[in-house]
């Protein structure tokens, strides 16, 4: 079975049930990592994400969060 390969670095998590498709996060992302797909926000280019957090801060419905990874 082919298991999905996790990204090398963390990317924002988008709760599609909350996303209203306004596109503010897509416009706020300075690296173009986000896109609207089927009228919902998605991390379309995870390798481009620099984890700035603009998307999380601008989302009016709080559909985006940035998980933190602790590495020992």
N, C-alpha and C. Protein backbone atom coordinates (compact mmCIF):
# COMPACT_ATOMS: atom_id res chain seq x y z
N UNK A 1 0.82 -1.18 0.00
CA UNK A 1 0.00 0.00 0.00
C UNK A 1 0.87 1.25 0.00
N UNK A 2 0.48 2.24 -0.75
CA UNK A 2 1.21 3.51 -0.76
C UNK A 2 0.67 4.42 0.31
N UNK A 3 1.49 4.67 1.31
CA UNK A 3 1.13 5.57 2.40
C UNK A 3 1.45 6.99 1.97
N UNK A 4 0.63 7.99 2.34
CA UNK A 4 0.97 9.37 2.02
C UNK A 4 2.26 9.77 2.72
N UNK A 5 3.08 10.50 2.02
CA UNK A 5 4.35 10.95 2.58
C UNK A 5 4.11 12.27 3.32
N UNK A 6 4.42 12.33 4.61
CA UNK A 6 4.21 13.58 5.33
C UNK A 6 5.18 14.65 4.84
N UNK A 7 4.75 15.91 4.86
CA UNK A 7 5.66 16.97 4.44
C UNK A 7 6.88 17.04 5.36
N UNK A 8 7.99 17.52 4.83
CA UNK A 8 9.22 17.62 5.62
C UNK A 8 9.10 18.66 6.72
N UNK A 9 8.29 19.66 6.49
CA UNK A 9 8.08 20.69 7.49
C UNK A 9 6.57 20.86 7.69
N UNK A 10 6.16 21.41 8.81
CA UNK A 10 4.72 21.53 9.05
C UNK A 10 4.09 22.55 8.10
N UNK A 11 2.82 22.33 7.82
CA UNK A 11 2.04 23.26 7.00
C UNK A 11 0.75 23.56 7.74
N UNK A 12 0.10 24.66 7.42
CA UNK A 12 -1.16 24.99 8.10
C UNK A 12 -2.21 23.89 7.89
N UNK A 13 -3.06 23.75 8.89
CA UNK A 13 -4.17 22.81 8.83
C UNK A 13 -5.43 23.63 8.56
N UNK A 14 -6.19 23.22 7.55
CA UNK A 14 -7.41 23.94 7.18
C UNK A 14 -8.60 23.04 7.44
N UNK A 15 -9.54 23.52 8.26
CA UNK A 15 -10.77 22.79 8.55
C UNK A 15 -11.78 23.17 7.47
N UNK A 16 -11.98 22.27 6.52
CA UNK A 16 -12.83 22.57 5.37
C UNK A 16 -14.27 22.86 5.77
N UNK A 17 -14.75 22.25 6.84
CA UNK A 17 -16.12 22.50 7.29
C UNK A 17 -16.31 23.94 7.75
N UNK A 18 -15.23 24.58 8.17
CA UNK A 18 -15.32 25.98 8.61
C UNK A 18 -15.02 26.97 7.49
N UNK A 19 -14.20 26.56 6.53
CA UNK A 19 -13.77 27.47 5.46
C UNK A 19 -14.97 27.93 4.64
N UNK A 20 -15.09 29.26 4.48
CA UNK A 20 -16.20 29.79 3.69
C UNK A 20 -15.75 30.20 2.28
N UNK A 21 -14.49 29.94 1.96
CA UNK A 21 -13.99 30.20 0.61
C UNK A 21 -13.80 31.67 0.27
N UNK A 22 -13.61 32.50 1.27
CA UNK A 22 -13.48 33.95 1.01
C UNK A 22 -12.20 34.30 0.25
N UNK A 23 -11.16 33.48 0.40
CA UNK A 23 -9.91 33.70 -0.33
C UNK A 23 -8.94 34.68 0.32
N UNK A 24 -9.28 35.19 1.49
CA UNK A 24 -8.37 36.14 2.15
C UNK A 24 -7.01 35.51 2.44
N UNK A 25 -7.02 34.26 2.85
CA UNK A 25 -5.76 33.58 3.16
C UNK A 25 -4.90 33.41 1.92
N UNK A 26 -5.53 33.11 0.81
CA UNK A 26 -4.80 32.94 -0.45
C UNK A 26 -4.11 34.24 -0.83
N UNK A 27 -4.82 35.34 -0.70
CA UNK A 27 -4.24 36.65 -1.03
C UNK A 27 -3.17 37.08 -0.03
N UNK A 28 -3.31 36.65 1.24
CA UNK A 28 -2.36 37.05 2.27
C UNK A 28 -1.06 36.25 2.23
N UNK A 29 -1.09 35.06 1.64
CA UNK A 29 0.10 34.20 1.63
C UNK A 29 1.17 34.77 0.70
N UNK A 30 2.33 35.16 1.26
CA UNK A 30 3.36 35.79 0.44
C UNK A 30 4.11 34.82 -0.48
N UNK A 31 3.96 33.53 -0.24
CA UNK A 31 4.71 32.55 -1.04
C UNK A 31 3.84 31.79 -2.02
N UNK A 32 2.53 32.02 -2.02
CA UNK A 32 1.64 31.34 -2.95
C UNK A 32 1.41 29.88 -2.62
N UNK A 33 1.56 29.53 -1.34
CA UNK A 33 1.37 28.14 -0.94
C UNK A 33 -0.10 27.72 -0.92
N UNK A 34 -0.99 28.69 -0.75
CA UNK A 34 -2.42 28.39 -0.66
C UNK A 34 -3.13 28.66 -1.97
N UNK A 35 -4.25 27.97 -2.16
CA UNK A 35 -5.09 28.18 -3.33
C UNK A 35 -6.51 27.82 -2.95
N UNK A 36 -7.46 28.32 -3.73
CA UNK A 36 -8.84 27.90 -3.56
C UNK A 36 -9.07 26.73 -4.49
N UNK A 37 -9.49 25.61 -3.93
CA UNK A 37 -9.80 24.42 -4.71
C UNK A 37 -11.22 24.02 -4.35
N UNK A 38 -12.08 23.96 -5.35
CA UNK A 38 -13.50 23.67 -5.13
C UNK A 38 -14.09 24.64 -4.11
N UNK A 39 -13.70 25.90 -4.23
CA UNK A 39 -14.20 26.99 -3.38
C UNK A 39 -13.85 26.84 -1.91
N UNK A 40 -12.75 26.14 -1.61
CA UNK A 40 -12.24 26.00 -0.25
C UNK A 40 -10.74 26.22 -0.27
N UNK A 41 -10.20 26.76 0.80
CA UNK A 41 -8.76 26.97 0.90
C UNK A 41 -8.04 25.64 1.02
N UNK A 42 -6.87 25.56 0.40
CA UNK A 42 -6.06 24.35 0.47
C UNK A 42 -4.59 24.72 0.39
N UNK A 43 -3.75 23.92 1.03
CA UNK A 43 -2.30 24.11 0.92
C UNK A 43 -1.90 23.39 -0.37
N UNK A 44 -1.96 24.12 -1.47
CA UNK A 44 -1.73 23.55 -2.79
C UNK A 44 -0.25 23.32 -3.08
N UNK A 45 0.60 24.12 -2.46
CA UNK A 45 2.05 24.03 -2.69
C UNK A 45 2.77 24.00 -1.34
N UNK A 46 2.72 22.87 -0.63
CA UNK A 46 3.29 22.81 0.72
C UNK A 46 4.78 23.13 0.75
N UNK A 47 5.50 22.82 -0.30
CA UNK A 47 6.94 23.11 -0.33
C UNK A 47 7.21 24.62 -0.33
N UNK A 48 6.23 25.42 -0.72
CA UNK A 48 6.40 26.87 -0.75
C UNK A 48 6.09 27.53 0.59
N UNK A 49 5.40 26.83 1.47
CA UNK A 49 4.97 27.42 2.74
C UNK A 49 6.17 27.74 3.62
N UNK A 50 6.23 28.98 4.06
CA UNK A 50 7.30 29.44 4.96
C UNK A 50 6.78 29.61 6.39
N UNK A 51 5.52 29.23 6.61
CA UNK A 51 4.92 29.22 7.94
C UNK A 51 4.87 30.60 8.60
N UNK A 52 4.61 31.62 7.80
CA UNK A 52 4.54 32.99 8.31
C UNK A 52 3.36 33.20 9.27
N UNK A 53 2.25 32.55 8.99
CA UNK A 53 1.08 32.69 9.85
C UNK A 53 0.08 33.74 9.43
N UNK A 54 0.34 34.42 8.31
CA UNK A 54 -0.60 35.43 7.84
C UNK A 54 -1.97 34.81 7.56
N UNK A 55 -1.97 33.61 7.00
CA UNK A 55 -3.23 32.93 6.68
C UNK A 55 -4.06 32.68 7.94
N UNK A 56 -3.40 32.23 8.98
CA UNK A 56 -4.10 31.94 10.23
C UNK A 56 -4.68 33.21 10.84
N UNK A 57 -3.91 34.27 10.82
CA UNK A 57 -4.35 35.52 11.44
C UNK A 57 -5.47 36.20 10.66
N UNK A 58 -5.49 36.07 9.35
CA UNK A 58 -6.48 36.79 8.55
C UNK A 58 -7.80 36.05 8.39
N UNK A 59 -7.83 34.76 8.67
CA UNK A 59 -9.04 33.96 8.45
C UNK A 59 -10.16 34.43 9.37
N UNK A 60 -11.25 34.94 8.80
CA UNK A 60 -12.33 35.47 9.64
C UNK A 60 -13.14 34.39 10.36
N UNK A 61 -13.06 33.14 9.90
CA UNK A 61 -13.84 32.07 10.53
C UNK A 61 -12.95 31.08 11.29
N UNK A 62 -11.69 31.43 11.45
CA UNK A 62 -10.72 30.62 12.19
C UNK A 62 -10.66 29.17 11.70
N UNK A 63 -10.61 29.03 10.37
CA UNK A 63 -10.54 27.70 9.76
C UNK A 63 -9.11 27.21 9.61
N UNK A 64 -8.13 28.08 9.88
CA UNK A 64 -6.73 27.73 9.66
C UNK A 64 -5.97 27.78 10.98
N UNK A 65 -5.19 26.74 11.22
CA UNK A 65 -4.32 26.73 12.38
C UNK A 65 -2.95 26.21 11.95
N UNK A 66 -1.97 26.58 12.72
CA UNK A 66 -0.61 26.13 12.43
C UNK A 66 -0.12 25.25 13.57
N UNK A 67 -0.04 23.95 13.33
CA UNK A 67 0.47 23.08 14.38
C UNK A 67 1.95 23.32 14.59
N UNK A 68 2.38 23.13 15.80
CA UNK A 68 3.80 23.30 16.11
C UNK A 68 4.40 21.93 16.37
N UNK A 69 5.59 21.77 15.89
CA UNK A 69 6.30 20.49 16.02
C UNK A 69 7.50 20.72 16.91
N UNK A 70 7.62 19.92 17.97
CA UNK A 70 8.76 20.03 18.86
C UNK A 70 9.74 18.91 18.50
N UNK A 71 10.96 19.30 18.22
CA UNK A 71 11.98 18.32 17.83
C UNK A 71 13.06 18.30 18.90
N UNK A 72 13.34 17.13 19.42
CA UNK A 72 14.37 16.99 20.45
C UNK A 72 15.66 16.56 19.82
